[in-house]
Amino acid sequence: MILDEGARTHALERPLDIARFAGEASIHSHLVDGPTRDFNLMVRRDAAHGTLDIWRAGESHDIDADTALLVCAQGSLRIGVNGDEHIALEEKQ
């Protein structure tokens, strides 16, 4: 998918590529190879802060946050909470 922001173009060429832009930006999209599925994170700047990261299989990450939203985009994974595995996530078909 290509996202045209006017002065900038975001080419999302591989699965899970990320484009970051202001929510008020005028964006025009163009599909390159047929339908796609996207995921958007929108945060009101004066109320909260948010980040979007892609984690790949076999990686380990620590989170220090008041709130975390985890989405499994492909396959399945187990999430450890305070050192114990408590949560299993699976890709939604």
PDB file of N, CA and C in Angstrom:
ATOM      1  N   MET A   1       0.853  -1.170   0.000  1.00  0.00           N
ATOM      2  CA  MET A   1       0.000   0.000   0.000  1.00  0.00           C
ATOM      3  C   MET A   1       0.900   1.235   0.000  1.00  0.00           C
ATOM      4  N   ILE A   2       0.489   2.233  -0.720  1.00  0.00           N
ATOM      5  CA  ILE A   2       1.186   3.520  -0.748  1.00  0.00           C
ATOM      6  C   ILE A   2       0.283   4.547  -0.078  1.00  0.00           C
ATOM      7  N   LEU A   3       0.832   5.293   0.879  1.00  0.00           N
ATOM      8  CA  LEU A   3       0.114   6.382   1.531  1.00  0.00           C
ATOM      9  C   LEU A   3       0.762   7.683   1.104  1.00  0.00           C
ATOM     10  N   ASP A   4       0.007   8.528   0.447  1.00  0.00           N
ATOM     11  CA  ASP A   4       0.516   9.808  -0.050  1.00  0.00           C
ATOM     12  C   ASP A   4       0.033  10.913   0.878  1.00  0.00           C
ATOM     13  N   GLU A   5       0.986  11.564   1.524  1.00  0.00           N
ATOM     14  CA  GLU A   5       0.699  12.636   2.475  1.00  0.00           C
ATOM     15  C   GLU A   5       0.949  14.009   1.854  1.00  0.00           C
ATOM     16  N   GLY A   6       1.186  14.065   0.564  1.00  0.00           N
ATOM     17  CA  GLY A   6       1.507  15.323  -0.096  1.00  0.00           C
ATOM     18  C   GLY A   6       3.013  15.501  -0.169  1.00  0.00           C
ATOM     19  N   ALA A   7       3.608  16.028   0.922  1.00  0.00           N
ATOM     20  CA  ALA A   7       5.050  16.246   0.952  1.00  0.00           C
ATOM     21  C   ALA A   7       5.826  14.952   1.183  1.00  0.00           C
ATOM     22  N   ARG A   8       5.162  13.924   1.755  1.00  0.00           N
ATOM     23  CA  ARG A   8       5.819  12.650   2.045  1.00  0.00           C
ATOM     24  C   ARG A   8       4.990  11.506   1.492  1.00  0.00           C
ATOM     25  N   THR A   9       5.676  10.458   1.089  1.00  0.00           N
ATOM     26  CA  THR A   9       5.017   9.234   0.646  1.00  0.00           C
ATOM     27  C   THR A   9       5.499   8.086   1.522  1.00  0.00           C
ATOM     28  N   HIS A  10       4.574   7.290   2.003  1.00  0.00           N
ATOM     29  CA  HIS A  10       4.894   6.122   2.819  1.00  0.00           C
ATOM     30  C   HIS A  10       4.625   4.882   1.963  1.00  0.00           C
ATOM     31  N   ALA A  11       5.655   4.125   1.674  1.00  0.00           N
ATOM     32  CA  ALA A  11       5.500   2.887   0.910  1.00  0.00           C
ATOM     33  C   ALA A  11       5.533   1.722   1.889  1.00  0.00           C
ATOM     34  N   LEU A  12       4.397   1.092   2.071  1.00  0.00           N
ATOM     35  CA  LEU A  12       4.295  -0.060   2.969  1.00  0.00           C
ATOM     36  C   LEU A  12       4.420  -1.300   2.094  1.00  0.00           C
ATOM     37  N   GLU A  13       5.626  -1.820   2.009  1.00  0.00           N
ATOM     38  CA  GLU A  13       5.944  -2.862   1.037  1.00  0.00           C
ATOM     39  C   GLU A  13       5.884  -4.278   1.611  1.00  0.00           C
ATOM     40  N   ARG A  14       6.111  -4.428   2.908  1.00  0.00           N
ATOM     41  CA  ARG A  14       6.142  -5.755   3.527  1.00  0.00           C
ATOM     42  C   ARG A  14       5.084  -5.832   4.620  1.00  0.00           C
ATOM     43  N   PRO A  15       4.642  -7.028   4.942  1.00  0.00           N
ATOM     44  CA  PRO A  15       3.709  -7.154   6.060  1.00  0.00           C
ATOM     45  C   PRO A  15       4.283  -6.523   7.321  1.00  0.00           C
ATOM     46  N   LEU A  16       3.463  -5.828   8.047  1.00  0.00           N
ATOM     47  CA  LEU A  16       3.786  -5.190   9.318  1.00  0.00           C
ATOM     48  C   LEU A  16       4.672  -3.953   9.188  1.00  0.00           C
ATOM     49  N   ASP A  17       4.832  -3.398   7.978  1.00  0.00           N
ATOM     50  CA  ASP A  17       5.510  -2.109   7.839  1.00  0.00           C
ATOM     51  C   ASP A  17       4.683  -1.043   8.563  1.00  0.00           C
ATOM     52  N   ILE A  18       5.357  -0.004   9.067  1.00  0.00           N
ATOM     53  CA  ILE A  18       4.706   1.058   9.841  1.00  0.00           C
ATOM     54  C   ILE A  18       4.849   2.390   9.122  1.00  0.00           C
ATOM     55  N   ALA A  19       3.770   3.164   9.103  1.00  0.00           N
ATOM     56  CA  ALA A  19       3.812   4.553   8.636  1.00  0.00           C
ATOM     57  C   ALA A  19       3.346   5.428   9.797  1.00  0.00           C
ATOM     58  N   ARG A  20       4.119   6.435  10.128  1.00  0.00           N
ATOM     59  CA  ARG A  20       3.750   7.352  11.210  1.00  0.00           C
ATOM     60  C   ARG A  20       3.448   8.722  10.610  1.00  0.00           C
ATOM     61  N   PHE A  21       2.279   9.251  10.982  1.00  0.00           N
ATOM     62  CA  PHE A  21       1.887  10.579  10.515  1.00  0.00           C
ATOM     63  C   PHE A  21       0.840  11.140  11.460  1.00  0.00           C
ATOM     64  N   ALA A  22       0.687  12.450  11.442  1.00  0.00           N
ATOM     65  CA  ALA A  22      -0.299  13.118  12.294  1.00  0.00           C
ATOM     66  C   ALA A  22      -1.712  12.747  11.837  1.00  0.00           C
ATOM     67  N   GLY A  23      -2.597  12.554  12.800  1.00  0.00           N
ATOM     68  CA  GLY A  23      -3.962  12.147  12.497  1.00  0.00           C
ATOM     69  C   GLY A  23      -4.732  13.138  11.652  1.00  0.00           C
ATOM     70  N   GLU A  24      -4.373  14.394  11.738  1.00  0.00           N
ATOM     71  CA  GLU A  24      -5.087  15.408  10.957  1.00  0.00           C
ATOM     72  C   GLU A  24      -4.543  15.541   9.531  1.00  0.00           C
ATOM     73  N   ALA A  25      -3.490  14.803   9.204  1.00  0.00           N
ATOM     74  CA  ALA A  25      -2.900  14.865   7.864  1.00  0.00           C
ATOM     75  C   ALA A  25      -3.880  14.314   6.828  1.00  0.00           C
ATOM     76  N   SER A  26      -3.879  14.933   5.679  1.00  0.00           N
ATOM     77  CA  SER A  26      -4.692  14.452   4.565  1.00  0.00           C
ATOM     78  C   SER A  26      -3.914  13.347   3.858  1.00  0.00           C
ATOM     79  N   ILE A  27      -4.450  12.134   3.905  1.00  0.00           N
ATOM     80  CA  ILE A  27      -3.753  10.965   3.358  1.00  0.00           C
ATOM     81  C   ILE A  27      -4.581  10.368   2.231  1.00  0.00           C
ATOM     82  N   HIS A  28      -3.924  10.045   1.133  1.00  0.00           N
ATOM     83  CA  HIS A  28      -4.557   9.321   0.025  1.00  0.00           C
ATOM     84  C   HIS A  28      -3.830   7.990  -0.094  1.00  0.00           C
ATOM     85  N   SER A  29      -4.590   6.894  -0.154  1.00  0.00           N
ATOM     86  CA  SER A  29      -3.964   5.579  -0.211  1.00  0.00           C
ATOM     87  C   SER A  29      -4.182   4.929  -1.567  1.00  0.00           C
ATOM     88  N   HIS A  30      -3.212   4.085  -1.929  1.00  0.00           N
ATOM     89  CA  HIS A  30      -3.266   3.349  -3.189  1.00  0.00           C
ATOM     90  C   HIS A  30      -2.835   1.915  -2.903  1.00  0.00           C
ATOM     91  N   LEU A  31      -3.692   0.949  -3.231  1.00  0.00           N
ATOM     92  CA  LEU A  31      -3.319  -0.448  -3.072  1.00  0.00           C
ATOM     93  C   LEU A  31      -2.426  -0.863  -4.232  1.00  0.00           C
ATOM     94  N   VAL A  32      -1.409  -1.660  -3.936  1.00  0.00           N
ATOM     95  CA  VAL A  32      -0.447  -2.080  -4.948  1.00  0.00           C
ATOM     96  C   VAL A  32      -0.737  -3.500  -5.423  1.00  0.00           C
ATOM     97  N   ASP A  33      -0.918  -4.422  -4.482  1.00  0.00           N
ATOM     98  CA  ASP A  33      -1.113  -5.838  -4.825  1.00  0.00           C
ATOM     99  C   ASP A  33      -2.427  -6.374  -4.284  1.00  0.00           C
ATOM    100  N   GLY A  34      -3.504  -5.657  -4.421  1.00  0.00           N
ATOM    101  CA  GLY A  34      -4.803  -6.133  -3.956  1.00  0.00           C
ATOM    102  C   GLY A  34      -5.102  -5.744  -2.524  1.00  0.00           C
ATOM    103  N   PRO A  35      -6.142  -6.363  -1.951  1.00  0.00           N
ATOM    104  CA  PRO A  35      -6.610  -5.989  -0.609  1.00  0.00           C
ATOM    105  C   PRO A  35      -5.531  -6.133   0.456  1.00  0.00           C
ATOM    106  N   THR A  36      -5.679  -5.370   1.506  1.00  0.00           N
ATOM    107  CA  THR A  36      -4.741  -5.402   2.624  1.00  0.00           C
ATOM    108  C   THR A  36      -5.523  -5.215   3.912  1.00  0.00           C
ATOM    109  N   ARG A  37      -4.888  -5.492   5.024  1.00  0.00           N
ATOM    110  CA  ARG A  37      -5.472  -5.255   6.342  1.00  0.00           C
ATOM    111  C   ARG A  37      -4.542  -4.285   7.060  1.00  0.00           C
ATOM    112  N   ASP A  38      -5.116  -3.263   7.671  1.00  0.00           N
ATOM    113  CA  ASP A  38      -4.258  -2.328   8.391  1.00  0.00           C
ATOM    114  C   ASP A  38      -4.688  -2.229   9.846  1.00  0.00           C
ATOM    115  N   PHE A  39      -3.787  -1.703  10.655  1.00  0.00           N
ATOM    116  CA  PHE A  39      -4.013  -1.502  12.078  1.00  0.00           C
ATOM    117  C   PHE A  39      -3.608  -0.075  12.385  1.00  0.00           C
ATOM    118  N   ASN A  40      -4.494   0.668  13.027  1.00  0.00           N
ATOM    119  CA  ASN A  40      -4.220   2.075  13.333  1.00  0.00           C
ATOM    120  C   ASN A  40      -4.165   2.301  14.834  1.00  0.00           C
ATOM    121  N   LEU A  41      -3.214   3.094  15.263  1.00  0.00           N
ATOM    122  CA  LEU A  41      -3.144   3.558  16.640  1.00  0.00           C
ATOM    123  C   LEU A  41      -3.301   5.067  16.595  1.00  0.00           C
ATOM    124  N   MET A  42      -4.368   5.559  17.194  1.00  0.00           N
ATOM    125  CA  MET A  42      -4.613   7.000  17.253  1.00  0.00           C
ATOM    126  C   MET A  42      -4.729   7.412  18.714  1.00  0.00           C
ATOM    127  N   VAL A  43      -3.991   8.451  19.093  1.00  0.00           N
ATOM    128  CA  VAL A  43      -3.960   8.902  20.474  1.00  0.00           C
ATOM    129  C   VAL A  43      -4.172  10.416  20.495  1.00  0.00           C
ATOM    130  N   ARG A  44      -5.051  10.865  21.375  1.00  0.00           N
ATOM    131  CA  ARG A  44      -5.244  12.307  21.539  1.00  0.00           C
ATOM    132  C   ARG A  44      -4.017  12.872  22.250  1.00  0.00           C
ATOM    133  N   ARG A  45      -3.252  13.704  21.548  1.00  0.00           N
ATOM    134  CA  ARG A  45      -1.954  14.178  22.039  1.00  0.00           C
ATOM    135  C   ARG A  45      -2.013  14.855  23.396  1.00  0.00           C
ATOM    136  N   ASP A  46      -3.089  15.581  23.674  1.00  0.00           N
ATOM    137  CA  ASP A  46      -3.162  16.306  24.949  1.00  0.00           C
ATOM    138  C   ASP A  46      -3.634  15.416  26.099  1.00  0.00           C
ATOM    139  N   ALA A  47      -3.970  14.145  25.808  1.00  0.00           N
ATOM    140  CA  ALA A  47      -4.485  13.265  26.855  1.00  0.00           C
ATOM    141  C   ALA A  47      -3.602  12.051  27.123  1.00  0.00           C
ATOM    142  N   ALA A  48      -2.813  11.618  26.148  1.00  0.00           N
ATOM    143  CA  ALA A  48      -2.043  10.387  26.325  1.00  0.00           C
ATOM    144  C   ALA A  48      -0.881  10.337  25.349  1.00  0.00           C
ATOM    145  N   HIS A  49      -0.048   9.335  25.533  1.00  0.00           N
ATOM    146  CA  HIS A  49       1.091   9.092  24.645  1.00  0.00           C
ATOM    147  C   HIS A  49       1.031   7.628  24.227  1.00  0.00           C
ATOM    148  N   GLY A  50       1.267   7.348  22.981  1.00  0.00           N
ATOM    149  CA  GLY A  50       1.234   5.962  22.519  1.00  0.00           C
ATOM    150  C   GLY A  50       2.361   5.679  21.553  1.00  0.00           C
ATOM    151  N   THR A  51       2.798   4.438  21.533  1.00  0.00           N
ATOM    152  CA  THR A  51       3.798   3.999  20.573  1.00  0.00           C
ATOM    153  C   THR A  51       3.330   2.681  19.968  1.00  0.00           C
ATOM    154  N   LEU A  52       3.785   2.407  18.788  1.00  0.00           N
ATOM    155  CA  LEU A  52       3.475   1.166  18.095  1.00  0.00           C
ATOM    156  C   LEU A  52       4.793   0.522  17.699  1.00  0.00           C
ATOM    157  N   ASP A  53       5.002  -0.704  18.141  1.00  0.00           N
ATOM    158  CA  ASP A  53       6.214  -1.442  17.817  1.00  0.00           C
ATOM    159  C   ASP A  53       5.836  -2.799  17.257  1.00  0.00           C
ATOM    160  N   ILE A  54       6.676  -3.323  16.408  1.00  0.00           N
ATOM    161  CA  ILE A  54       6.508  -4.676  15.871  1.00  0.00           C
ATOM    162  C   ILE A  54       7.514  -5.576  16.567  1.00  0.00           C
ATOM    163  N   TRP A  55       7.022  -6.639  17.157  1.00  0.00           N
ATOM    164  CA  TRP A  55       7.880  -7.632  17.795  1.00  0.00           C
ATOM    165  C   TRP A  55       7.838  -8.900  16.963  1.00  0.00           C
ATOM    166  N   ARG A  56       8.962  -9.500  16.730  1.00  0.00           N
ATOM    167  CA  ARG A  56       9.069 -10.701  15.914  1.00  0.00           C
ATOM    168  C   ARG A  56       9.282 -11.935  16.801  1.00  0.00           C
ATOM    169  N   ALA A  57       8.971 -13.096  16.271  1.00  0.00           N
ATOM    170  CA  ALA A  57       9.121 -14.362  16.995  1.00  0.00           C
ATOM    171  C   ALA A  57      10.539 -14.503  17.519  1.00  0.00           C
ATOM    172  N   GLY A  58      10.653 -15.038  18.720  1.00  0.00           N
ATOM    173  CA  GLY A  58      11.957 -15.290  19.315  1.00  0.00           C
ATOM    174  C   GLY A  58      12.543 -14.113  20.068  1.00  0.00           C
ATOM    175  N   GLU A  59      11.912 -12.960  20.015  1.00  0.00           N
ATOM    176  CA  GLU A  59      12.402 -11.787  20.724  1.00  0.00           C
ATOM    177  C   GLU A  59      11.816 -11.750  22.135  1.00  0.00           C
ATOM    178  N   SER A  60      12.504 -11.055  23.013  1.00  0.00           N
ATOM    179  CA  SER A  60      12.030 -10.848  24.373  1.00  0.00           C
ATOM    180  C   SER A  60      11.994  -9.347  24.636  1.00  0.00           C
ATOM    181  N   HIS A  61      10.918  -8.880  25.265  1.00  0.00           N
ATOM    182  CA  HIS A  61      10.749  -7.451  25.529  1.00  0.00           C
ATOM    183  C   HIS A  61      10.226  -7.236  26.938  1.00  0.00           C
ATOM    184  N   ASP A  62      10.630  -6.132  27.535  1.00  0.00           N
ATOM    185  CA  ASP A  62      10.082  -5.705  28.820  1.00  0.00           C
ATOM    186  C   ASP A  62       9.278  -4.428  28.579  1.00  0.00           C
ATOM    187  N   ILE A  63       8.135  -4.336  29.231  1.00  0.00           N
ATOM    188  CA  ILE A  63       7.280  -3.154  29.109  1.00  0.00           C
ATOM    189  C   ILE A  63       7.154  -2.506  30.475  1.00  0.00           C
ATOM    190  N   ASP A  64       7.328  -1.197  30.523  1.00  0.00           N
ATOM    191  CA  ASP A  64       7.071  -0.420  31.731  1.00  0.00           C
ATOM    192  C   ASP A  64       6.040   0.625  31.353  1.00  0.00           C
ATOM    193  N   ALA A  65       4.771   0.299  31.547  1.00  0.00           N
ATOM    194  CA  ALA A  65       3.694   1.194  31.126  1.00  0.00           C
ATOM    195  C   ALA A  65       2.487   1.013  32.033  1.00  0.00           C
ATOM    196  N   ASP A  66       1.687   2.053  32.144  1.00  0.00           N
ATOM    197  CA  ASP A  66       0.438   1.951  32.894  1.00  0.00           C
ATOM    198  C   ASP A  66      -0.558   1.066  32.160  1.00  0.00           C
ATOM    199  N   THR A  67      -0.564   1.154  30.826  1.00  0.00           N
ATOM    200  CA  THR A  67      -1.481   0.387  29.993  1.00  0.00           C
ATOM    201  C   THR A  67      -0.731  -0.114  28.769  1.00  0.00           C
ATOM    202  N   ALA A  68      -0.978  -1.358  28.392  1.00  0.00           N
ATOM    203  CA  ALA A  68      -0.366  -1.922  27.187  1.00  0.00           C
ATOM    204  C   ALA A  68      -1.432  -2.675  26.414  1.00  0.00           C
ATOM    205  N   LEU A  69      -1.446  -2.489  25.107  1.00  0.00           N
ATOM    206  CA  LEU A  69      -2.331  -3.228  24.208  1.00  0.00           C
ATOM    207  C   LEU A  69      -1.436  -4.095  23.343  1.00  0.00           C
ATOM    208  N   LEU A  70      -1.646  -5.397  23.403  1.00  0.00           N
ATOM    209  CA  LEU A  70      -0.852  -6.333  22.617  1.00  0.00           C
ATOM    210  C   LEU A  70      -1.764  -7.007  21.610  1.00  0.00           C
ATOM    211  N   VAL A  71      -1.340  -7.032  20.345  1.00  0.00           N
ATOM    212  CA  VAL A  71      -2.106  -7.659  19.276  1.00  0.00           C
ATOM    213  C   VAL A  71      -1.199  -8.661  18.584  1.00  0.00           C
ATOM    214  N   CYS A  72      -1.667  -9.868  18.437  1.00  0.00           N
ATOM    215  CA  CYS A  72      -0.907 -10.901  17.735  1.00  0.00           C
ATOM    216  C   CYS A  72      -1.353 -10.881  16.274  1.00  0.00           C
ATOM    217  N   ALA A  73      -0.491 -10.419  15.383  1.00  0.00           N
ATOM    218  CA  ALA A  73      -0.839 -10.273  13.969  1.00  0.00           C
ATOM    219  C   ALA A  73      -0.652 -11.561  13.190  1.00  0.00           C
ATOM    220  N   GLN A  74       0.180 -12.473  13.699  1.00  0.00           N
ATOM    221  CA  GLN A  74       0.453 -13.705  12.964  1.00  0.00           C
ATOM    222  C   GLN A  74       0.877 -14.796  13.942  1.00  0.00           C
ATOM    223  N   GLY A  75       0.307 -15.987  13.790  1.00  0.00           N
ATOM    224  CA  GLY A  75       0.692 -17.115  14.632  1.00  0.00           C
ATOM    225  C   GLY A  75       0.129 -17.004  16.039  1.00  0.00           C
ATOM    226  N   SER A  76       0.937 -17.386  17.026  1.00  0.00           N
ATOM    227  CA  SER A  76       0.529 -17.315  18.424  1.00  0.00           C
ATOM    228  C   SER A  76       1.752 -17.008  19.279  1.00  0.00           C
ATOM    229  N   LEU A  77       1.515 -16.544  20.498  1.00  0.00           N
ATOM    230  CA  LEU A  77       2.599 -16.251  21.420  1.00  0.00           C
ATOM    231  C   LEU A  77       2.096 -16.296  22.844  1.00  0.00           C
ATOM    232  N   ARG A  78       3.020 -16.431  23.770  1.00  0.00           N
ATOM    233  CA  ARG A  78       2.694 -16.409  25.195  1.00  0.00           C
ATOM    234  C   ARG A  78       3.338 -15.184  25.810  1.00  0.00           C
ATOM    235  N   ILE A  79       2.592 -14.523  26.683  1.00  0.00           N
ATOM    236  CA  ILE A  79       3.053 -13.303  27.338  1.00  0.00           C
ATOM    237  C   ILE A  79       3.321 -13.603  28.801  1.00  0.00           C
ATOM    238  N   GLY A  80       4.488 -13.233  29.267  1.00  0.00           N
ATOM    239  CA  GLY A  80       4.820 -13.385  30.679  1.00  0.00           C
ATOM    240  C   GLY A  80       4.515 -12.100  31.426  1.00  0.00           C
ATOM    241  N   VAL A  81       3.879 -12.240  32.567  1.00  0.00           N
ATOM    242  CA  VAL A  81       3.556 -11.091  33.413  1.00  0.00           C
ATOM    243  C   VAL A  81       4.284 -11.272  34.737  1.00  0.00           C
ATOM    244  N   ASN A  82       5.150 -10.326  35.054  1.00  0.00           N
ATOM    245  CA  ASN A  82       5.960 -10.401  36.274  1.00  0.00           C
ATOM    246  C   ASN A  82       6.711 -11.731  36.380  1.00  0.00           C
ATOM    247  N   GLY A  83       7.254 -12.184  35.261  1.00  0.00           N
ATOM    248  CA  GLY A  83       8.075 -13.383  35.253  1.00  0.00           C
ATOM    249  C   GLY A  83       7.328 -14.696  35.061  1.00  0.00           C
ATOM    250  N   ASP A  84       6.004 -14.666  35.096  1.00  0.00           N
ATOM    251  CA  ASP A  84       5.205 -15.887  34.905  1.00  0.00           C
ATOM    252  C   ASP A  84       4.428 -15.783  33.602  1.00  0.00           C
ATOM    253  N   GLU A  85       4.320 -16.895  32.862  1.00  0.00           N
ATOM    254  CA  GLU A  85       3.506 -16.899  31.644  1.00  0.00           C
ATOM    255  C   GLU A  85       2.047 -16.999  32.031  1.00  0.00           C
ATOM    256  N   HIS A  86       1.259 -16.009  31.637  1.00  0.00           N
ATOM    257  CA  HIS A  86      -0.146 -15.956  32.013  1.00  0.00           C
ATOM    258  C   HIS A  86      -1.088 -15.842  30.817  1.00  0.00           C
ATOM    259  N   ILE A  87      -0.625 -15.267  29.740  1.00  0.00           N
ATOM    260  CA  ILE A  87      -1.529 -14.896  28.651  1.00  0.00           C
ATOM    261  C   ILE A  87      -1.063 -15.543  27.360  1.00  0.00           C
ATOM    262  N   ALA A  88      -2.002 -16.148  26.640  1.00  0.00           N
ATOM    263  CA  ALA A  88      -1.713 -16.686  25.313  1.00  0.00           C
ATOM    264  C   ALA A  88      -2.471 -15.838  24.295  1.00  0.00           C
ATOM    265  N   LEU A  89      -1.795 -15.376  23.263  1.00  0.00           N
ATOM    266  CA  LEU A  89      -2.427 -14.598  22.200  1.00  0.00           C
ATOM    267  C   LEU A  89      -2.327 -15.375  20.908  1.00  0.00           C
ATOM    268  N   GLU A  90      -3.374 -15.263  20.092  1.00  0.00           N
ATOM    269  CA  GLU A  90      -3.382 -15.901  18.770  1.00  0.00           C
ATOM    270  C   GLU A  90      -3.863 -14.918  17.731  1.00  0.00           C
ATOM    271  N   GLU A  91      -3.395 -15.131  16.523  1.00  0.00           N
ATOM    272  CA  GLU A  91      -3.816 -14.339  15.377  1.00  0.00           C
ATOM    273  C   GLU A  91      -5.321 -14.508  15.169  1.00  0.00           C
ATOM    274  N   LYS A  92      -6.007 -13.408  14.931  1.00  0.00           N
ATOM    275  CA  LYS A  92      -7.430 -13.452  14.603  1.00  0.00           C
ATOM    276  C   LYS A  92      -7.574 -13.591  13.112  1.00  0.00           C
ATOM    277  N   GLN A  93      -8.318 -14.586  12.692  1.00  0.00           N
ATOM    278  CA  GLN A  93      -8.512 -14.829  11.259  1.00  0.00           C
ATOM    279  C   GLN A  93      -9.610 -13.953  10.715  1.00  0.00           C
TER     280      GLN A  93
END
